[in-house]
Amino acid sequence: MIAAPLLDGTFQVTLNSPRNTRFTLRVVDPSSGKVLGAATFGGRVQTVETTVCGQRTLQVQVKRVRGSGAFSLAVSRP
């Protein structure tokens, strides 16, 4: 969970994963439960970009659907 105060603007998270794996990536407003952005396609790199306005925290959810191995996340805050 991203718990630092966020400014209004564009929030971006990029997931890098090993070959032959599949993940789902979601950005959620934890106070309302609303999904602000999602990527569900397979592939080594997935990016979710969403506009934030007034959220103080965001939750990034990663779920492994297939395969194994480590992944990394890169987060760009507004």
PDB file of N, CA and C in Angstrom:
ATOM      1  N   MET A   1       0.849  -1.170   0.000  1.00  0.00           N
ATOM      2  CA  MET A   1       0.000   0.000   0.000  1.00  0.00           C
ATOM      3  C   MET A   1       0.895   1.234   0.000  1.00  0.00           C
ATOM      4  N   ILE A   2       0.572   2.191  -0.841  1.00  0.00           N
ATOM      5  CA  ILE A   2       1.276   3.464  -0.877  1.00  0.00           C
ATOM      6  C   ILE A   2       0.611   4.352   0.168  1.00  0.00           C
ATOM      7  N   ALA A   3       1.332   4.704   1.232  1.00  0.00           N
ATOM      8  CA  ALA A   3       0.710   5.415   2.341  1.00  0.00           C
ATOM      9  C   ALA A   3       1.172   6.858   2.481  1.00  0.00           C
ATOM     10  N   ALA A   4       1.963   7.349   1.563  1.00  0.00           N
ATOM     11  CA  ALA A   4       2.391   8.751   1.618  1.00  0.00           C
ATOM     12  C   ALA A   4       1.316   9.638   1.014  1.00  0.00           C
ATOM     13  N   PRO A   5       1.183  10.868   1.474  1.00  0.00           N
ATOM     14  CA  PRO A   5       0.201  11.756   0.867  1.00  0.00           C
ATOM     15  C   PRO A   5       0.490  11.934  -0.628  1.00  0.00           C
ATOM     16  N   LEU A   6      -0.530  11.823  -1.423  1.00  0.00           N
ATOM     17  CA  LEU A   6      -0.385  11.967  -2.866  1.00  0.00           C
ATOM     18  C   LEU A   6      -0.930  13.313  -3.306  1.00  0.00           C
ATOM     19  N   LEU A   7      -0.313  13.890  -4.268  1.00  0.00           N
ATOM     20  CA  LEU A   7      -0.828  15.105  -4.875  1.00  0.00           C
ATOM     21  C   LEU A   7      -1.718  14.714  -6.040  1.00  0.00           C
ATOM     22  N   ASP A   8      -2.517  15.638  -6.502  1.00  0.00           N
ATOM     23  CA  ASP A   8      -3.352  15.362  -7.661  1.00  0.00           C
ATOM     24  C   ASP A   8      -2.457  15.221  -8.890  1.00  0.00           C
ATOM     25  N   GLY A   9      -2.821  14.316  -9.759  1.00  0.00           N
ATOM     26  CA  GLY A   9      -2.040  14.116 -10.976  1.00  0.00           C
ATOM     27  C   GLY A   9      -2.114  12.685 -11.443  1.00  0.00           C
ATOM     28  N   THR A  10      -1.088  12.246 -12.155  1.00  0.00           N
ATOM     29  CA  THR A  10      -1.048  10.909 -12.735  1.00  0.00           C
ATOM     30  C   THR A  10      -0.179   9.991 -11.883  1.00  0.00           C
ATOM     31  N   PHE A  11      -0.745   8.849 -11.513  1.00  0.00           N
ATOM     32  CA  PHE A  11      -0.038   7.807 -10.776  1.00  0.00           C
ATOM     33  C   PHE A  11       0.196   6.652 -11.736  1.00  0.00           C
ATOM     34  N   GLN A  12       1.427   6.137 -11.757  1.00  0.00           N
ATOM     35  CA  GLN A  12       1.751   5.054 -12.679  1.00  0.00           C
ATOM     36  C   GLN A  12       2.519   3.969 -11.935  1.00  0.00           C
ATOM     37  N   VAL A  13       2.156   2.716 -12.188  1.00  0.00           N
ATOM     38  CA  VAL A  13       2.873   1.579 -11.633  1.00  0.00           C
ATOM     39  C   VAL A  13       3.151   0.597 -12.775  1.00  0.00           C
ATOM     40  N   THR A  14       4.397   0.104 -12.818  1.00  0.00           N
ATOM     41  CA  THR A  14       4.813  -0.826 -13.875  1.00  0.00           C
ATOM     42  C   THR A  14       5.330  -2.099 -13.220  1.00  0.00           C
ATOM     43  N   LEU A  15       4.817  -3.243 -13.683  1.00  0.00           N
ATOM     44  CA  LEU A  15       5.216  -4.552 -13.188  1.00  0.00           C
ATOM     45  C   LEU A  15       6.106  -5.212 -14.231  1.00  0.00           C
ATOM     46  N   ASN A  16       7.282  -5.679 -13.819  1.00  0.00           N
ATOM     47  CA  ASN A  16       8.183  -6.453 -14.664  1.00  0.00           C
ATOM     48  C   ASN A  16       8.226  -7.867 -14.116  1.00  0.00           C
ATOM     49  N   SER A  17       7.995  -8.852 -14.984  1.00  0.00           N
ATOM     50  CA  SER A  17       7.917 -10.234 -14.523  1.00  0.00           C
ATOM     51  C   SER A  17       8.722 -11.156 -15.438  1.00  0.00           C
ATOM     52  N   PRO A  18       9.011 -12.368 -14.957  1.00  0.00           N
ATOM     53  CA  PRO A  18       9.746 -13.319 -15.777  1.00  0.00           C
ATOM     54  C   PRO A  18       8.917 -13.804 -16.967  1.00  0.00           C
ATOM     55  N   ARG A  19       9.617 -14.362 -17.925  1.00  0.00           N
ATOM     56  CA  ARG A  19       8.968 -14.954 -19.090  1.00  0.00           C
ATOM     57  C   ARG A  19       8.049 -16.101 -18.636  1.00  0.00           C
ATOM     58  N   ASN A  20       6.980 -16.332 -19.358  1.00  0.00           N
ATOM     59  CA  ASN A  20       6.031 -17.427 -19.114  1.00  0.00           C
ATOM     60  C   ASN A  20       5.287 -17.304 -17.790  1.00  0.00           C
ATOM     61  N   THR A  21       5.153 -16.097 -17.277  1.00  0.00           N
ATOM     62  CA  THR A  21       4.308 -15.873 -16.106  1.00  0.00           C
ATOM     63  C   THR A  21       3.175 -14.941 -16.498  1.00  0.00           C
ATOM     64  N   ARG A  22       2.143 -14.953 -15.698  1.00  0.00           N
ATOM     65  CA  ARG A  22       1.012 -14.052 -15.931  1.00  0.00           C
ATOM     66  C   ARG A  22       0.539 -13.519 -14.587  1.00  0.00           C
ATOM     67  N   PHE A  23       0.373 -12.212 -14.533  1.00  0.00           N
ATOM     68  CA  PHE A  23      -0.085 -11.538 -13.326  1.00  0.00           C
ATOM     69  C   PHE A  23      -1.264 -10.629 -13.671  1.00  0.00           C
ATOM     70  N   THR A  24      -2.072 -10.323 -12.663  1.00  0.00           N
ATOM     71  CA  THR A  24      -3.009  -9.214 -12.790  1.00  0.00           C
ATOM     72  C   THR A  24      -2.475  -8.097 -11.895  1.00  0.00           C
ATOM     73  N   LEU A  25      -2.661  -6.880 -12.340  1.00  0.00           N
ATOM     74  CA  LEU A  25      -2.166  -5.698 -11.639  1.00  0.00           C
ATOM     75  C   LEU A  25      -3.325  -4.724 -11.506  1.00  0.00           C
ATOM     76  N   ARG A  26      -3.601  -4.288 -10.267  1.00  0.00           N
ATOM     77  CA  ARG A  26      -4.701  -3.345 -10.032  1.00  0.00           C
ATOM     78  C   ARG A  26      -4.261  -2.235  -9.101  1.00  0.00           C
ATOM     79  N   VAL A  27      -4.814  -1.051  -9.316  1.00  0.00           N
ATOM     80  CA  VAL A  27      -4.643   0.083  -8.404  1.00  0.00           C
ATOM     81  C   VAL A  27      -6.028   0.364  -7.819  1.00  0.00           C
ATOM     82  N   VAL A  28      -6.103   0.367  -6.484  1.00  0.00           N
ATOM     83  CA  VAL A  28      -7.389   0.469  -5.784  1.00  0.00           C
ATOM     84  C   VAL A  28      -7.335   1.611  -4.784  1.00  0.00           C
ATOM     85  N   ASP A  29      -8.447   2.340  -4.662  1.00  0.00           N
ATOM     86  CA  ASP A  29      -8.621   3.321  -3.595  1.00  0.00           C
ATOM     87  C   ASP A  29      -9.108   2.535  -2.375  1.00  0.00           C
ATOM     88  N   PRO A  30      -8.271   2.346  -1.342  1.00  0.00           N
ATOM     89  CA  PRO A  30      -8.665   1.488  -0.220  1.00  0.00           C
ATOM     90  C   PRO A  30      -9.830   2.028   0.602  1.00  0.00           C
ATOM     91  N   SER A  31     -10.064   3.324   0.591  1.00  0.00           N
ATOM     92  CA  SER A  31     -11.173   3.869   1.381  1.00  0.00           C
ATOM     93  C   SER A  31     -12.527   3.544   0.772  1.00  0.00           C
ATOM     94  N   SER A  32     -12.596   3.465  -0.564  1.00  0.00           N
ATOM     95  CA  SER A  32     -13.870   3.170  -1.220  1.00  0.00           C
ATOM     96  C   SER A  32     -13.922   1.772  -1.838  1.00  0.00           C
ATOM     97  N   GLY A  33     -12.748   1.144  -2.041  1.00  0.00           N
ATOM     98  CA  GLY A  33     -12.698  -0.156  -2.700  1.00  0.00           C
ATOM     99  C   GLY A  33     -12.789  -0.062  -4.215  1.00  0.00           C
ATOM    100  N   LYS A  34     -12.847   1.156  -4.740  1.00  0.00           N
ATOM    101  CA  LYS A  34     -12.991   1.352  -6.184  1.00  0.00           C
ATOM    102  C   LYS A  34     -11.676   1.038  -6.899  1.00  0.00           C
ATOM    103  N   VAL A  35     -11.769   0.254  -7.985  1.00  0.00           N
ATOM    104  CA  VAL A  35     -10.605  -0.047  -8.817  1.00  0.00           C
ATOM    105  C   VAL A  35     -10.378   1.158  -9.726  1.00  0.00           C
ATOM    106  N   LEU A  36      -9.212   1.773  -9.608  1.00  0.00           N
ATOM    107  CA  LEU A  36      -8.888   2.963 -10.390  1.00  0.00           C
ATOM    108  C   LEU A  36      -8.218   2.622 -11.715  1.00  0.00           C
ATOM    109  N   GLY A  37      -7.629   1.445 -11.804  1.00  0.00           N
ATOM    110  CA  GLY A  37      -6.981   1.007 -13.039  1.00  0.00           C
ATOM    111  C   GLY A  37      -6.560  -0.436 -12.904  1.00  0.00           C
ATOM    112  N   ALA A  38      -6.491  -1.156 -14.028  1.00  0.00           N
ATOM    113  CA  ALA A  38      -6.123  -2.571 -13.993  1.00  0.00           C
ATOM    114  C   ALA A  38      -5.482  -2.989 -15.304  1.00  0.00           C
ATOM    115  N   ALA A  39      -4.598  -3.986 -15.201  1.00  0.00           N
ATOM    116  CA  ALA A  39      -3.996  -4.629 -16.363  1.00  0.00           C
ATOM    117  C   ALA A  39      -4.063  -6.128 -16.114  1.00  0.00           C
ATOM    118  N   THR A  40      -4.632  -6.874 -17.039  1.00  0.00           N
ATOM    119  CA  THR A  40      -4.800  -8.310 -16.832  1.00  0.00           C
ATOM    120  C   THR A  40      -4.174  -9.144 -17.936  1.00  0.00           C
ATOM    121  N   PHE A  41      -3.470  -8.519 -18.852  1.00  0.00           N
ATOM    122  CA  PHE A  41      -2.866  -9.255 -19.947  1.00  0.00           C
ATOM    123  C   PHE A  41      -1.544  -9.857 -19.501  1.00  0.00           C
ATOM    124  N   GLY A  42      -1.195 -11.001 -20.107  1.00  0.00           N
ATOM    125  CA  GLY A  42       0.111 -11.589 -19.853  1.00  0.00           C
ATOM    126  C   GLY A  42       1.179 -10.742 -20.515  1.00  0.00           C
ATOM    127  N   GLY A  43       2.391 -11.048 -20.223  1.00  0.00           N
ATOM    128  CA  GLY A  43       3.490 -10.299 -20.804  1.00  0.00           C
ATOM    129  C   GLY A  43       4.479  -9.914 -19.729  1.00  0.00           C
ATOM    130  N   ARG A  44       5.664  -9.605 -20.133  1.00  0.00           N
ATOM    131  CA  ARG A  44       6.720  -9.314 -19.171  1.00  0.00           C
ATOM    132  C   ARG A  44       6.546  -7.968 -18.501  1.00  0.00           C
ATOM    133  N   VAL A  45       5.961  -6.997 -19.193  1.00  0.00           N
ATOM    134  CA  VAL A  45       5.793  -5.655 -18.626  1.00  0.00           C
ATOM    135  C   VAL A  45       4.333  -5.245 -18.714  1.00  0.00           C
ATOM    136  N   GLN A  46       3.776  -4.837 -17.583  1.00  0.00           N
ATOM    137  CA  GLN A  46       2.407  -4.328 -17.536  1.00  0.00           C
ATOM    138  C   GLN A  46       2.443  -2.977 -16.833  1.00  0.00           C
ATOM    139  N   THR A  47       1.695  -2.024 -17.354  1.00  0.00           N
ATOM    140  CA  THR A  47       1.642  -0.699 -16.747  1.00  0.00           C
ATOM    141  C   THR A  47       0.193  -0.289 -16.528  1.00  0.00           C
ATOM    142  N   VAL A  48      -0.064   0.272 -15.359  1.00  0.00           N
ATOM    143  CA  VAL A  48      -1.361   0.866 -15.059  1.00  0.00           C
ATOM    144  C   VAL A  48      -1.101   2.334 -14.748  1.00  0.00           C
ATOM    145  N   GLU A  49      -1.856   3.188 -15.415  1.00  0.00           N
ATOM    146  CA  GLU A  49      -1.742   4.635 -15.209  1.00  0.00           C
ATOM    147  C   GLU A  49      -3.139   5.160 -14.904  1.00  0.00           C
ATOM    148  N   THR A  50      -3.247   5.960 -13.858  1.00  0.00           N
ATOM    149  CA  THR A  50      -4.546   6.502 -13.481  1.00  0.00           C
ATOM    150  C   THR A  50      -4.373   7.912 -12.924  1.00  0.00           C
ATOM    151  N   THR A  51      -5.414   8.693 -13.033  1.00  0.00           N
ATOM    152  CA  THR A  51      -5.415  10.045 -12.484  1.00  0.00           C
ATOM    153  C   THR A  51      -5.931   9.977 -11.055  1.00  0.00           C
ATOM    154  N   VAL A  52      -5.201  10.597 -10.141  1.00  0.00           N
ATOM    155  CA  VAL A  52      -5.618  10.628  -8.745  1.00  0.00           C
ATOM    156  C   VAL A  52      -6.018  12.051  -8.375  1.00  0.00           C
ATOM    157  N   CYS A  53      -7.051  12.132  -7.549  1.00  0.00           N
ATOM    158  CA  CYS A  53      -7.551  13.434  -7.118  1.00  0.00           C
ATOM    159  C   CYS A  53      -8.150  13.259  -5.724  1.00  0.00           C
ATOM    160  N   GLY A  54      -7.403  13.674  -4.726  1.00  0.00           N
ATOM    161  CA  GLY A  54      -7.918  13.624  -3.366  1.00  0.00           C
ATOM    162  C   GLY A  54      -7.597  12.364  -2.581  1.00  0.00           C
ATOM    163  N   GLN A  55      -7.095  11.316  -3.216  1.00  0.00           N
ATOM    164  CA  GLN A  55      -6.746  10.103  -2.481  1.00  0.00           C
ATOM    165  C   GLN A  55      -5.478  10.345  -1.669  1.00  0.00           C
ATOM    166  N   ARG A  56      -5.506   9.930  -0.407  1.00  0.00           N
ATOM    167  CA  ARG A  56      -4.307  10.046   0.433  1.00  0.00           C
ATOM    168  C   ARG A  56      -3.487   8.766   0.384  1.00  0.00           C
ATOM    169  N   THR A  57      -4.122   7.650   0.095  1.00  0.00           N
ATOM    170  CA  THR A  57      -3.420   6.372  -0.039  1.00  0.00           C
ATOM    171  C   THR A  57      -3.979   5.613  -1.232  1.00  0.00           C
ATOM    172  N   LEU A  58      -3.145   4.774  -1.800  1.00  0.00           N
ATOM    173  CA  LEU A  58      -3.558   3.873  -2.873  1.00  0.00           C
ATOM    174  C   LEU A  58      -3.047   2.482  -2.543  1.00  0.00           C
ATOM    175  N   GLN A  59      -3.731   1.485  -3.052  1.00  0.00           N
ATOM    176  CA  GLN A  59      -3.312   0.109  -2.860  1.00  0.00           C
ATOM    177  C   GLN A  59      -2.988  -0.485  -4.227  1.00  0.00           C
ATOM    178  N   VAL A  60      -1.804  -1.072  -4.345  1.00  0.00           N
ATOM    179  CA  VAL A  60      -1.411  -1.752  -5.572  1.00  0.00           C
ATOM    180  C   VAL A  60      -1.526  -3.248  -5.300  1.00  0.00           C
ATOM    181  N   GLN A  61      -2.335  -3.935  -6.096  1.00  0.00           N
ATOM    182  CA  GLN A  61      -2.559  -5.367  -5.914  1.00  0.00           C
ATOM    183  C   GLN A  61      -1.944  -6.127  -7.081  1.00  0.00           C
ATOM    184  N   VAL A  62      -1.141  -7.143  -6.751  1.00  0.00           N
ATOM    185  CA  VAL A  62      -0.522  -8.011  -7.749  1.00  0.00           C
ATOM    186  C   VAL A  62      -0.951  -9.439  -7.430  1.00  0.00           C
ATOM    187  N   LYS A  63      -1.503 -10.123  -8.421  1.00  0.00           N
ATOM    188  CA  LYS A  63      -1.937 -11.504  -8.231  1.00  0.00           C
ATOM    189  C   LYS A  63      -1.315 -12.366  -9.325  1.00  0.00           C
ATOM    190  N   ARG A  64      -0.631 -13.419  -8.908  1.00  0.00           N
ATOM    191  CA  ARG A  64      -0.046 -14.358  -9.866  1.00  0.00           C
ATOM    192  C   ARG A  64      -1.145 -15.278 -10.395  1.00  0.00           C
ATOM    193  N   VAL A  65      -1.266 -15.350 -11.718  1.00  0.00           N
ATOM    194  CA  VAL A  65      -2.262 -16.206 -12.351  1.00  0.00           C
ATOM    195  C   VAL A  65      -1.614 -17.496 -12.844  1.00  0.00           C
ATOM    196  N   ARG A  66      -0.361 -17.371 -13.343  1.00  0.00           N
ATOM    197  CA  ARG A  66       0.336 -18.534 -13.895  1.00  0.00           C
ATOM    198  C   ARG A  66       1.837 -18.325 -13.812  1.00  0.00           C
ATOM    199  N   GLY A  67       2.579 -19.417 -13.650  1.00  0.00           N
ATOM    200  CA  GLY A  67       4.033 -19.360 -13.679  1.00  0.00           C
ATOM    201  C   GLY A  67       4.641 -19.170 -12.307  1.00  0.00           C
ATOM    202  N   SER A  68       5.947 -18.913 -12.306  1.00  0.00           N
ATOM    203  CA  SER A  68       6.668 -18.723 -11.053  1.00  0.00           C
ATOM    204  C   SER A  68       7.806 -17.738 -11.277  1.00  0.00           C
ATOM    205  N   GLY A  69       8.354 -17.265 -10.180  1.00  0.00           N
ATOM    206  CA  GLY A  69       9.471 -16.341 -10.253  1.00  0.00           C
ATOM    207  C   GLY A  69       9.129 -15.004  -9.625  1.00  0.00           C
ATOM    208  N   ALA A  70      10.175 -14.241  -9.401  1.00  0.00           N
ATOM    209  CA  ALA A  70      10.034 -12.928  -8.760  1.00  0.00           C
ATOM    210  C   ALA A  70       9.552 -11.889  -9.761  1.00  0.00           C
ATOM    211  N   PHE A  71       8.992 -10.809  -9.245  1.00  0.00           N
ATOM    212  CA  PHE A  71       8.590  -9.673 -10.072  1.00  0.00           C
ATOM    213  C   PHE A  71       9.065  -8.409  -9.392  1.00  0.00           C
ATOM    214  N   SER A  72       9.075  -7.318 -10.126  1.00  0.00           N
ATOM    215  CA  SER A  72       9.421  -6.032  -9.530  1.00  0.00           C
ATOM    216  C   SER A  72       8.386  -4.996  -9.946  1.00  0.00           C
ATOM    217  N   LEU A  73       8.213  -3.990  -9.088  1.00  0.00           N
ATOM    218  CA  LEU A  73       7.291  -2.889  -9.352  1.00  0.00           C
ATOM    219  C   LEU A  73       8.064  -1.578  -9.376  1.00  0.00           C
ATOM    220  N   ALA A  74       7.731  -0.726 -10.316  1.00  0.00           N
ATOM    221  CA  ALA A  74       8.249   0.642 -10.365  1.00  0.00           C
ATOM    222  C   ALA A  74       7.053   1.568 -10.218  1.00  0.00           C
ATOM    223  N   VAL A  75       7.122   2.490  -9.262  1.00  0.00           N
ATOM    224  CA  VAL A  75       6.009   3.376  -8.976  1.00  0.00           C
ATOM    225  C   VAL A  75       6.416   4.814  -9.256  1.00  0.00           C
ATOM    226  N   SER A  76       5.554   5.527  -9.979  1.00  0.00           N
ATOM    227  CA  SER A  76       5.762   6.933 -10.257  1.00  0.00           C
ATOM    228  C   SER A  76       4.609   7.708  -9.641  1.00  0.00           C
ATOM    229  N   ARG A  77       4.922   8.510  -8.618  1.00  0.00           N
ATOM    230  CA  ARG A  77       3.880   9.269  -7.924  1.00  0.00           C
ATOM    231  C   ARG A  77       3.747  10.657  -8.539  1.00  0.00           C
ATOM    232  N   PRO A  78       2.550  11.229  -8.428  1.00  0.00           N
ATOM    233  CA  PRO A  78       2.358  12.592  -8.953  1.00  0.00           C
ATOM    234  C   PRO A  78       3.148  13.621  -8.176  1.00  0.00           C
TER     235      PRO A  78
END
